N, C-alpha and C. Protein backbone atom coordinates (compact mmCIF):
# COMPACT_ATOMS: atom_id res chain seq x y z
N MET A 1 -57.21 24.49 56.77
CA MET A 1 -56.93 23.35 55.92
C MET A 1 -57.55 23.60 54.54
N ASN A 2 -56.83 23.33 53.50
CA ASN A 2 -57.25 23.58 52.14
C ASN A 2 -58.07 22.41 51.62
N LYS A 3 -59.40 22.53 51.73
CA LYS A 3 -60.27 21.42 51.32
C LYS A 3 -60.34 21.28 49.81
N LYS A 4 -60.29 22.41 49.10
CA LYS A 4 -60.33 22.34 47.64
C LYS A 4 -59.09 21.63 47.09
N GLY A 5 -57.95 21.88 47.68
CA GLY A 5 -56.72 21.21 47.26
C GLY A 5 -56.77 19.72 47.52
N GLN A 6 -57.41 19.32 48.61
CA GLN A 6 -57.53 17.90 48.92
C GLN A 6 -58.45 17.20 47.93
N ILE A 7 -59.54 17.86 47.58
CA ILE A 7 -60.47 17.26 46.62
C ILE A 7 -59.82 17.18 45.25
N THR A 8 -59.01 18.14 44.89
CA THR A 8 -58.32 18.12 43.61
C THR A 8 -57.38 16.92 43.51
N LYS A 9 -56.67 16.62 44.58
CA LYS A 9 -55.77 15.46 44.59
C LYS A 9 -56.55 14.16 44.41
N ILE A 10 -57.65 14.05 45.14
CA ILE A 10 -58.46 12.83 45.06
C ILE A 10 -59.07 12.68 43.67
N SER A 11 -59.62 13.76 43.14
CA SER A 11 -60.26 13.66 41.82
C SER A 11 -59.23 13.36 40.74
N THR A 12 -58.02 13.86 40.88
CA THR A 12 -56.98 13.55 39.89
C THR A 12 -56.65 12.06 39.90
N ILE A 13 -56.52 11.48 41.07
CA ILE A 13 -56.22 10.05 41.16
C ILE A 13 -57.37 9.21 40.63
N ILE A 14 -58.60 9.55 41.02
CA ILE A 14 -59.77 8.77 40.60
C ILE A 14 -59.98 8.87 39.09
N LEU A 15 -59.96 10.08 38.57
CA LEU A 15 -60.13 10.24 37.12
C LEU A 15 -58.98 9.61 36.34
N GLY A 16 -57.78 9.67 36.90
CA GLY A 16 -56.65 9.02 36.26
C GLY A 16 -56.83 7.52 36.15
N LEU A 17 -57.32 6.89 37.21
CA LEU A 17 -57.55 5.44 37.18
C LEU A 17 -58.63 5.07 36.15
N ILE A 18 -59.70 5.87 36.12
CA ILE A 18 -60.76 5.59 35.15
C ILE A 18 -60.25 5.79 33.73
N MET A 19 -59.48 6.86 33.51
CA MET A 19 -58.98 7.15 32.17
C MET A 19 -57.98 6.10 31.70
N ILE A 20 -57.16 5.58 32.60
CA ILE A 20 -56.19 4.55 32.21
C ILE A 20 -56.91 3.36 31.60
N VAL A 21 -57.92 2.85 32.31
CA VAL A 21 -58.63 1.67 31.82
C VAL A 21 -59.40 1.98 30.54
N GLY A 22 -60.10 3.10 30.52
CA GLY A 22 -60.90 3.44 29.35
C GLY A 22 -60.07 3.66 28.10
N VAL A 23 -58.99 4.41 28.25
CA VAL A 23 -58.15 4.72 27.09
C VAL A 23 -57.44 3.47 26.58
N VAL A 24 -56.91 2.66 27.50
CA VAL A 24 -56.20 1.45 27.06
C VAL A 24 -57.18 0.47 26.40
N ALA A 25 -58.39 0.34 26.93
CA ALA A 25 -59.38 -0.55 26.29
C ALA A 25 -59.75 -0.05 24.91
N ALA A 26 -60.00 1.25 24.79
CA ALA A 26 -60.35 1.81 23.47
C ALA A 26 -59.19 1.68 22.48
N LEU A 27 -57.98 1.93 22.95
CA LEU A 27 -56.82 1.80 22.06
C LEU A 27 -56.57 0.35 21.65
N THR A 28 -56.83 -0.58 22.55
CA THR A 28 -56.62 -1.99 22.21
C THR A 28 -57.64 -2.46 21.17
N ILE A 29 -58.88 -2.05 21.33
CA ILE A 29 -59.89 -2.41 20.32
C ILE A 29 -59.55 -1.75 18.99
N SER A 30 -59.14 -0.49 19.03
CA SER A 30 -58.73 0.20 17.79
C SER A 30 -57.52 -0.47 17.16
N TRP A 31 -56.58 -0.91 17.99
CA TRP A 31 -55.41 -1.63 17.49
C TRP A 31 -55.83 -2.91 16.79
N GLY A 32 -56.81 -3.61 17.33
CA GLY A 32 -57.30 -4.83 16.69
C GLY A 32 -57.87 -4.55 15.32
N ILE A 33 -58.60 -3.45 15.19
CA ILE A 33 -59.18 -3.09 13.90
C ILE A 33 -58.09 -2.72 12.90
N VAL A 34 -57.09 -1.96 13.36
CA VAL A 34 -55.97 -1.58 12.47
C VAL A 34 -55.19 -2.82 12.06
N LYS A 35 -55.00 -3.75 12.98
CA LYS A 35 -54.26 -4.98 12.67
C LYS A 35 -55.01 -5.82 11.65
N ILE A 36 -56.33 -5.89 11.76
CA ILE A 36 -57.12 -6.61 10.75
C ILE A 36 -56.92 -5.97 9.38
N GLY A 37 -56.98 -4.64 9.33
CA GLY A 37 -56.77 -3.94 8.06
C GLY A 37 -55.37 -4.16 7.51
N ALA A 38 -54.38 -4.10 8.39
CA ALA A 38 -53.00 -4.30 7.93
C ALA A 38 -52.78 -5.72 7.45
N ASP A 39 -53.40 -6.69 8.12
CA ASP A 39 -53.24 -8.08 7.69
C ASP A 39 -53.88 -8.33 6.33
N GLU A 40 -54.86 -7.54 5.95
CA GLU A 40 -55.50 -7.69 4.64
C GLU A 40 -54.81 -6.86 3.56
N ILE A 41 -54.39 -5.66 3.91
CA ILE A 41 -53.87 -4.73 2.90
C ILE A 41 -52.42 -5.04 2.52
N VAL A 42 -51.57 -5.34 3.50
CA VAL A 42 -50.14 -5.54 3.22
C VAL A 42 -49.91 -6.69 2.24
N PRO A 43 -50.51 -7.87 2.41
CA PRO A 43 -50.28 -8.92 1.41
C PRO A 43 -50.77 -8.55 0.01
N ALA A 44 -51.87 -7.78 -0.05
CA ALA A 44 -52.36 -7.35 -1.36
C ALA A 44 -51.39 -6.38 -2.01
N LEU A 45 -50.79 -5.50 -1.21
CA LEU A 45 -49.82 -4.56 -1.77
C LEU A 45 -48.54 -5.26 -2.22
N LEU A 46 -48.18 -6.34 -1.52
CA LEU A 46 -46.95 -7.05 -1.87
C LEU A 46 -47.07 -7.86 -3.16
N THR A 47 -48.28 -8.05 -3.64
CA THR A 47 -48.48 -8.81 -4.87
C THR A 47 -48.56 -7.92 -6.11
N ILE A 48 -48.34 -6.62 -5.97
CA ILE A 48 -48.43 -5.72 -7.13
C ILE A 48 -47.39 -6.08 -8.17
N GLY A 49 -46.18 -6.31 -7.73
CA GLY A 49 -45.13 -6.73 -8.66
C GLY A 49 -44.51 -5.57 -9.41
N GLU A 50 -44.12 -5.87 -10.66
CA GLU A 50 -43.40 -4.89 -11.47
C GLU A 50 -44.40 -4.01 -12.21
N VAL A 51 -44.29 -2.70 -12.00
CA VAL A 51 -45.21 -1.74 -12.62
C VAL A 51 -44.68 -1.32 -13.98
N ALA A 52 -43.41 -1.07 -14.05
CA ALA A 52 -42.76 -0.67 -15.29
C ALA A 52 -41.44 -1.44 -15.36
N PRO A 53 -40.82 -1.49 -16.49
CA PRO A 53 -39.55 -2.20 -16.56
C PRO A 53 -38.53 -1.66 -15.57
N GLY A 54 -38.07 -2.52 -14.69
CA GLY A 54 -37.07 -2.14 -13.70
C GLY A 54 -37.64 -1.53 -12.43
N ILE A 55 -38.96 -1.35 -12.34
CA ILE A 55 -39.57 -0.76 -11.15
C ILE A 55 -40.46 -1.82 -10.50
N ASN A 56 -39.94 -2.43 -9.46
CA ASN A 56 -40.68 -3.47 -8.75
C ASN A 56 -41.30 -2.85 -7.49
N MET A 57 -42.59 -2.65 -7.50
CA MET A 57 -43.30 -2.03 -6.38
C MET A 57 -43.35 -2.95 -5.17
N SER A 58 -43.34 -4.24 -5.38
CA SER A 58 -43.40 -5.17 -4.25
C SER A 58 -42.20 -5.03 -3.33
N GLU A 59 -41.02 -4.84 -3.90
CA GLU A 59 -39.83 -4.66 -3.08
C GLU A 59 -39.88 -3.35 -2.32
N SER A 60 -40.32 -2.28 -2.97
CA SER A 60 -40.42 -0.98 -2.30
C SER A 60 -41.46 -1.02 -1.18
N ILE A 61 -42.58 -1.65 -1.45
CA ILE A 61 -43.64 -1.74 -0.45
C ILE A 61 -43.18 -2.61 0.72
N ALA A 62 -42.43 -3.66 0.46
CA ALA A 62 -41.92 -4.51 1.54
C ALA A 62 -40.97 -3.74 2.45
N ILE A 63 -40.15 -2.88 1.86
CA ILE A 63 -39.23 -2.07 2.66
C ILE A 63 -40.00 -1.09 3.55
N VAL A 64 -41.08 -0.53 3.03
CA VAL A 64 -41.86 0.46 3.77
C VAL A 64 -42.75 -0.21 4.83
N THR A 65 -43.39 -1.29 4.46
CA THR A 65 -44.39 -1.87 5.37
C THR A 65 -43.81 -2.77 6.45
N THR A 66 -42.60 -3.26 6.30
CA THR A 66 -42.02 -4.15 7.32
C THR A 66 -41.92 -3.48 8.68
N PRO A 67 -41.36 -2.27 8.81
CA PRO A 67 -41.31 -1.65 10.14
C PRO A 67 -42.72 -1.32 10.68
N ILE A 68 -43.60 -0.94 9.78
CA ILE A 68 -44.96 -0.60 10.21
C ILE A 68 -45.68 -1.83 10.75
N THR A 69 -45.55 -2.96 10.08
CA THR A 69 -46.21 -4.17 10.58
C THR A 69 -45.59 -4.66 11.87
N ILE A 70 -44.28 -4.46 12.06
CA ILE A 70 -43.65 -4.84 13.33
C ILE A 70 -44.22 -3.99 14.47
N ILE A 71 -44.38 -2.70 14.23
CA ILE A 71 -44.96 -1.83 15.26
C ILE A 71 -46.41 -2.22 15.54
N ILE A 72 -47.18 -2.46 14.50
CA ILE A 72 -48.59 -2.84 14.68
C ILE A 72 -48.70 -4.15 15.43
N ASP A 73 -47.83 -5.11 15.13
CA ASP A 73 -47.89 -6.40 15.81
C ASP A 73 -47.56 -6.28 17.30
N ASN A 74 -46.73 -5.32 17.68
CA ASN A 74 -46.31 -5.18 19.08
C ASN A 74 -47.07 -4.12 19.86
N LEU A 75 -48.10 -3.53 19.29
CA LEU A 75 -48.84 -2.50 20.01
C LEU A 75 -49.57 -3.05 21.23
N GLY A 76 -49.91 -4.32 21.26
CA GLY A 76 -50.54 -4.90 22.45
C GLY A 76 -49.63 -4.81 23.66
N LEU A 77 -48.36 -5.08 23.47
CA LEU A 77 -47.40 -4.95 24.57
C LEU A 77 -47.18 -3.49 24.96
N ILE A 78 -47.17 -2.62 23.98
CA ILE A 78 -46.99 -1.19 24.26
C ILE A 78 -48.16 -0.67 25.09
N MET A 79 -49.38 -1.12 24.80
CA MET A 79 -50.54 -0.66 25.57
C MET A 79 -50.54 -1.23 26.99
N ALA A 80 -50.05 -2.44 27.15
CA ALA A 80 -49.90 -2.99 28.51
C ALA A 80 -48.88 -2.17 29.29
N LEU A 81 -47.82 -1.75 28.62
CA LEU A 81 -46.82 -0.90 29.27
C LEU A 81 -47.41 0.46 29.65
N ILE A 82 -48.23 1.03 28.78
CA ILE A 82 -48.89 2.30 29.09
C ILE A 82 -49.79 2.14 30.32
N TYR A 83 -50.53 1.04 30.39
CA TYR A 83 -51.40 0.75 31.52
C TYR A 83 -50.59 0.69 32.82
N LEU A 84 -49.52 -0.07 32.81
CA LEU A 84 -48.70 -0.23 34.01
C LEU A 84 -47.99 1.07 34.39
N LEU A 85 -47.48 1.80 33.42
CA LEU A 85 -46.83 3.08 33.71
C LEU A 85 -47.82 4.10 34.25
N GLY A 86 -49.05 4.07 33.76
CA GLY A 86 -50.08 4.97 34.28
C GLY A 86 -50.39 4.68 35.73
N ILE A 87 -50.47 3.41 36.09
CA ILE A 87 -50.73 3.05 37.48
C ILE A 87 -49.56 3.46 38.37
N VAL A 88 -48.34 3.20 37.93
CA VAL A 88 -47.16 3.61 38.71
C VAL A 88 -47.11 5.13 38.82
N GLY A 89 -47.46 5.82 37.76
CA GLY A 89 -47.47 7.28 37.80
C GLY A 89 -48.49 7.83 38.79
N LEU A 90 -49.67 7.22 38.85
CA LEU A 90 -50.67 7.68 39.81
C LEU A 90 -50.27 7.36 41.25
N LEU A 91 -49.62 6.24 41.46
CA LEU A 91 -49.12 5.95 42.81
C LEU A 91 -48.02 6.94 43.19
N SER A 92 -47.18 7.31 42.25
CA SER A 92 -46.15 8.31 42.51
C SER A 92 -46.78 9.67 42.82
N TYR A 93 -47.83 10.00 42.08
CA TYR A 93 -48.56 11.26 42.34
C TYR A 93 -49.15 11.24 43.75
N ALA A 94 -49.71 10.11 44.14
CA ALA A 94 -50.27 10.00 45.49
C ALA A 94 -49.18 10.18 46.53
N TYR A 95 -48.00 9.65 46.28
CA TYR A 95 -46.90 9.81 47.23
C TYR A 95 -46.45 11.27 47.32
N LEU A 96 -46.37 11.93 46.18
CA LEU A 96 -45.93 13.32 46.18
C LEU A 96 -46.95 14.26 46.82
N MET A 97 -48.22 13.94 46.68
CA MET A 97 -49.28 14.82 47.17
C MET A 97 -49.89 14.35 48.48
N ARG A 98 -49.23 13.48 49.19
CA ARG A 98 -49.82 12.94 50.41
C ARG A 98 -49.98 14.04 51.45
N THR A 99 -51.01 13.86 52.26
CA THR A 99 -51.35 14.86 53.25
C THR A 99 -52.10 14.22 54.41
N ASN A 100 -52.27 14.96 55.45
CA ASN A 100 -53.04 14.52 56.61
C ASN A 100 -54.38 15.25 56.51
N VAL A 101 -55.46 14.54 56.31
CA VAL A 101 -56.72 15.18 55.93
C VAL A 101 -57.83 14.89 56.93
N ASN A 102 -58.93 15.54 56.71
CA ASN A 102 -60.13 15.34 57.52
C ASN A 102 -60.77 14.00 57.19
N GLY A 103 -61.63 13.55 58.09
CA GLY A 103 -62.31 12.27 57.89
C GLY A 103 -63.27 12.28 56.72
N TRP A 104 -63.92 13.43 56.45
CA TRP A 104 -64.88 13.47 55.36
C TRP A 104 -64.20 13.32 54.01
N VAL A 105 -62.94 13.74 53.90
CA VAL A 105 -62.21 13.59 52.64
C VAL A 105 -61.88 12.12 52.39
N ILE A 106 -61.58 11.40 53.46
CA ILE A 106 -61.33 9.96 53.34
C ILE A 106 -62.61 9.25 52.90
N ALA A 107 -63.74 9.65 53.47
CA ALA A 107 -65.02 9.06 53.06
C ALA A 107 -65.33 9.38 51.60
N LEU A 108 -65.03 10.60 51.17
CA LEU A 108 -65.21 10.97 49.77
C LEU A 108 -64.33 10.11 48.87
N PHE A 109 -63.12 9.85 49.32
CA PHE A 109 -62.21 9.01 48.55
C PHE A 109 -62.77 7.59 48.41
N ILE A 110 -63.31 7.03 49.48
CA ILE A 110 -63.85 5.67 49.42
C ILE A 110 -65.05 5.62 48.49
N VAL A 111 -65.90 6.63 48.53
CA VAL A 111 -67.04 6.68 47.60
C VAL A 111 -66.53 6.82 46.16
N SER A 112 -65.48 7.59 45.97
CA SER A 112 -64.91 7.73 44.63
C SER A 112 -64.28 6.43 44.14
N VAL A 113 -63.70 5.66 45.05
CA VAL A 113 -63.15 4.35 44.69
C VAL A 113 -64.27 3.42 44.22
N LEU A 114 -65.43 3.53 44.85
CA LEU A 114 -66.58 2.74 44.39
C LEU A 114 -66.96 3.13 42.96
N LEU A 115 -66.86 4.42 42.64
CA LEU A 115 -67.10 4.87 41.26
C LEU A 115 -66.07 4.27 40.30
N VAL A 116 -64.82 4.20 40.74
CA VAL A 116 -63.76 3.58 39.92
C VAL A 116 -64.08 2.11 39.68
N ILE A 117 -64.51 1.41 40.71
CA ILE A 117 -64.81 -0.01 40.58
C ILE A 117 -65.96 -0.23 39.61
N ILE A 118 -67.01 0.57 39.73
CA ILE A 118 -68.16 0.43 38.82
C ILE A 118 -67.76 0.76 37.39
N SER A 119 -66.96 1.80 37.21
CA SER A 119 -66.49 2.16 35.86
C SER A 119 -65.59 1.07 35.28
N ALA A 120 -64.72 0.50 36.10
CA ALA A 120 -63.83 -0.56 35.62
C ALA A 120 -64.62 -1.81 35.26
N ILE A 121 -65.67 -2.12 36.01
CA ILE A 121 -66.53 -3.26 35.66
C ILE A 121 -67.19 -3.02 34.31
N ALA A 122 -67.69 -1.80 34.08
CA ALA A 122 -68.34 -1.49 32.81
C ALA A 122 -67.36 -1.60 31.64
N VAL A 123 -66.16 -1.05 31.81
CA VAL A 123 -65.17 -1.10 30.73
C VAL A 123 -64.73 -2.54 30.47
N SER A 124 -64.51 -3.32 31.54
CA SER A 124 -64.05 -4.70 31.34
C SER A 124 -65.14 -5.55 30.69
N GLN A 125 -66.39 -5.31 31.02
CA GLN A 125 -67.48 -6.05 30.38
C GLN A 125 -67.59 -5.67 28.90
N PHE A 126 -67.44 -4.38 28.62
CA PHE A 126 -67.48 -3.91 27.23
C PHE A 126 -66.35 -4.54 26.43
N TYR A 127 -65.15 -4.57 27.00
CA TYR A 127 -64.00 -5.15 26.32
C TYR A 127 -64.18 -6.66 26.16
N GLU A 128 -64.73 -7.30 27.17
CA GLU A 128 -64.89 -8.75 27.12
C GLU A 128 -65.88 -9.18 26.03
N GLU A 129 -66.85 -8.31 25.71
CA GLU A 129 -67.76 -8.61 24.61
C GLU A 129 -66.99 -8.74 23.29
N PHE A 130 -66.05 -7.85 23.07
CA PHE A 130 -65.21 -7.93 21.87
C PHE A 130 -64.24 -9.10 21.96
N TYR A 131 -63.73 -9.34 23.15
CA TYR A 131 -62.72 -10.37 23.38
C TYR A 131 -63.27 -11.76 23.11
N LEU A 132 -64.52 -12.00 23.45
CA LEU A 132 -65.09 -13.34 23.34
C LEU A 132 -65.75 -13.63 21.99
N THR A 133 -65.82 -12.64 21.11
CA THR A 133 -66.43 -12.89 19.81
C THR A 133 -65.56 -13.85 19.00
N GLN A 134 -66.16 -14.52 18.07
CA GLN A 134 -65.44 -15.52 17.27
C GLN A 134 -64.99 -14.96 15.92
N ASP A 135 -65.00 -13.65 15.76
CA ASP A 135 -64.55 -13.07 14.49
C ASP A 135 -63.06 -12.72 14.56
N ASP A 136 -62.59 -11.98 13.57
CA ASP A 136 -61.17 -11.64 13.49
C ASP A 136 -60.72 -10.75 14.65
N LEU A 137 -61.58 -9.81 15.04
CA LEU A 137 -61.22 -8.90 16.12
C LEU A 137 -61.03 -9.65 17.44
N GLY A 138 -61.93 -10.56 17.75
CA GLY A 138 -61.79 -11.36 18.96
C GLY A 138 -60.53 -12.20 18.95
N GLU A 139 -60.20 -12.73 17.79
CA GLU A 139 -58.98 -13.54 17.67
C GLU A 139 -57.73 -12.70 17.92
N ILE A 140 -57.70 -11.49 17.38
CA ILE A 140 -56.55 -10.62 17.58
C ILE A 140 -56.46 -10.16 19.03
N LEU A 141 -57.59 -9.84 19.65
CA LEU A 141 -57.57 -9.43 21.06
C LEU A 141 -57.12 -10.57 21.96
N ARG A 142 -57.45 -11.80 21.59
CA ARG A 142 -57.00 -12.94 22.40
C ARG A 142 -55.50 -13.18 22.25
N THR A 143 -54.90 -12.72 21.16
CA THR A 143 -53.44 -12.87 21.03
C THR A 143 -52.69 -11.86 21.90
N ALA A 144 -53.33 -10.76 22.25
CA ALA A 144 -52.72 -9.76 23.13
C ALA A 144 -53.07 -10.12 24.57
N THR A 145 -52.44 -11.16 25.08
CA THR A 145 -52.85 -11.72 26.37
C THR A 145 -52.60 -10.79 27.54
N LEU A 146 -51.48 -10.09 27.57
CA LEU A 146 -51.16 -9.26 28.73
C LEU A 146 -52.13 -8.10 28.87
N VAL A 147 -52.33 -7.34 27.81
CA VAL A 147 -53.23 -6.19 27.90
C VAL A 147 -54.67 -6.65 28.09
N SER A 148 -55.05 -7.78 27.49
CA SER A 148 -56.40 -8.30 27.70
C SER A 148 -56.60 -8.70 29.15
N TYR A 149 -55.61 -9.33 29.74
CA TYR A 149 -55.69 -9.71 31.15
C TYR A 149 -55.83 -8.46 32.03
N LEU A 150 -55.04 -7.44 31.74
CA LEU A 150 -55.08 -6.22 32.54
C LEU A 150 -56.43 -5.53 32.43
N ILE A 151 -57.03 -5.53 31.25
CA ILE A 151 -58.32 -4.86 31.08
C ILE A 151 -59.45 -5.68 31.68
N ILE A 152 -59.46 -6.98 31.43
CA ILE A 152 -60.55 -7.81 31.93
C ILE A 152 -60.54 -7.87 33.46
N TYR A 153 -59.37 -7.93 34.06
CA TYR A 153 -59.28 -7.97 35.52
C TYR A 153 -59.04 -6.58 36.13
N SER A 154 -59.34 -5.54 35.39
CA SER A 154 -59.11 -4.18 35.89
C SER A 154 -59.94 -3.82 37.12
N PRO A 155 -61.16 -4.34 37.33
CA PRO A 155 -61.83 -4.00 38.59
C PRO A 155 -61.03 -4.41 39.82
N VAL A 156 -60.46 -5.58 39.81
CA VAL A 156 -59.66 -6.04 40.95
C VAL A 156 -58.36 -5.25 41.05
N ILE A 157 -57.69 -5.08 39.91
CA ILE A 157 -56.42 -4.37 39.89
C ILE A 157 -56.59 -2.93 40.37
N LEU A 158 -57.61 -2.24 39.84
CA LEU A 158 -57.80 -0.84 40.22
C LEU A 158 -58.30 -0.68 41.65
N THR A 159 -59.03 -1.66 42.17
CA THR A 159 -59.44 -1.60 43.58
C THR A 159 -58.21 -1.65 44.47
N ILE A 160 -57.32 -2.57 44.18
CA ILE A 160 -56.09 -2.69 44.98
C ILE A 160 -55.25 -1.42 44.84
N VAL A 161 -55.08 -0.93 43.61
CA VAL A 161 -54.28 0.26 43.38
C VAL A 161 -54.90 1.48 44.05
N ALA A 162 -56.23 1.61 43.98
CA ALA A 162 -56.89 2.77 44.59
C ALA A 162 -56.73 2.76 46.10
N PHE A 163 -56.84 1.61 46.72
CA PHE A 163 -56.68 1.58 48.17
C PHE A 163 -55.22 1.77 48.58
N ILE A 164 -54.29 1.29 47.79
CA ILE A 164 -52.88 1.58 48.08
C ILE A 164 -52.62 3.08 47.91
N ALA A 165 -53.20 3.67 46.87
CA ALA A 165 -53.05 5.12 46.68
C ALA A 165 -53.69 5.88 47.84
N GLY A 166 -54.82 5.39 48.35
CA GLY A 166 -55.46 6.03 49.49
C GLY A 166 -54.60 5.95 50.73
N ILE A 167 -54.00 4.81 50.96
CA ILE A 167 -53.11 4.66 52.11
C ILE A 167 -51.91 5.59 51.99
N ILE A 168 -51.34 5.65 50.80
CA ILE A 168 -50.20 6.54 50.58
C ILE A 168 -50.63 8.00 50.72
N LEU A 169 -51.78 8.34 50.14
CA LEU A 169 -52.24 9.73 50.11
C LEU A 169 -52.57 10.27 51.49
N PHE A 170 -53.13 9.43 52.35
CA PHE A 170 -53.62 9.92 53.64
C PHE A 170 -52.69 9.63 54.81
N THR A 171 -51.44 9.27 54.56
CA THR A 171 -50.52 9.00 55.66
C THR A 171 -49.43 10.05 55.77
N GLY A 172 -49.69 11.24 55.28
CA GLY A 172 -48.69 12.31 55.38
C GLY A 172 -48.59 12.84 56.80
N GLU A 173 -47.44 13.34 57.12
CA GLU A 173 -47.24 13.94 58.43
C GLU A 173 -47.51 15.44 58.35
N GLU A 174 -48.09 15.97 59.39
CA GLU A 174 -48.47 17.37 59.41
C GLU A 174 -47.24 18.29 59.33
N GLU A 175 -46.14 17.92 59.99
CA GLU A 175 -44.97 18.79 60.02
C GLU A 175 -44.30 18.94 58.66
N GLN A 176 -44.39 17.92 57.81
CA GLN A 176 -43.66 17.99 56.56
C GLN A 176 -44.28 18.98 55.57
N PHE A 177 -45.48 19.45 55.84
CA PHE A 177 -46.16 20.33 54.89
C PHE A 177 -46.16 21.79 55.34
N ARG A 178 -45.45 22.12 56.38
CA ARG A 178 -45.44 23.52 56.85
C ARG A 178 -44.27 24.26 56.31
């Protein structure tokens, strides 16, 4: 039995779950900072007006910044989609790599799931500190309700996903792998 291959599958799933929450939380906070900057800079750029006779910079800037502000405004939904697609991708990986393994590998998986839960608690607490502040960043993070919900409740979500992945991963039939 290939024990190294079994540990590789488990570590890929566990690290993937941790990375999903960490990356999405970091990107959401960064998105909030970029949105604050865009909300301040774009109106200032739109007030430039006419620079030379017949050259109106406000119209040109409005044409350029409109698609950019639409993308920036919707990045909260895009990050929630990345979070959900990452979880579906890891469950698909668990299905593709399922195997019939030794008992110690299952125990290692359960201990690794505890690491995922502790990491998700740390990330959600870190994110919640930004989320609950009364400044501009907290206000913007509260407007991104779906991704904020997914990050704040990530310990519960990732616990359920990790155990579903464990059930999928460890229910392979011996004959299908020969």
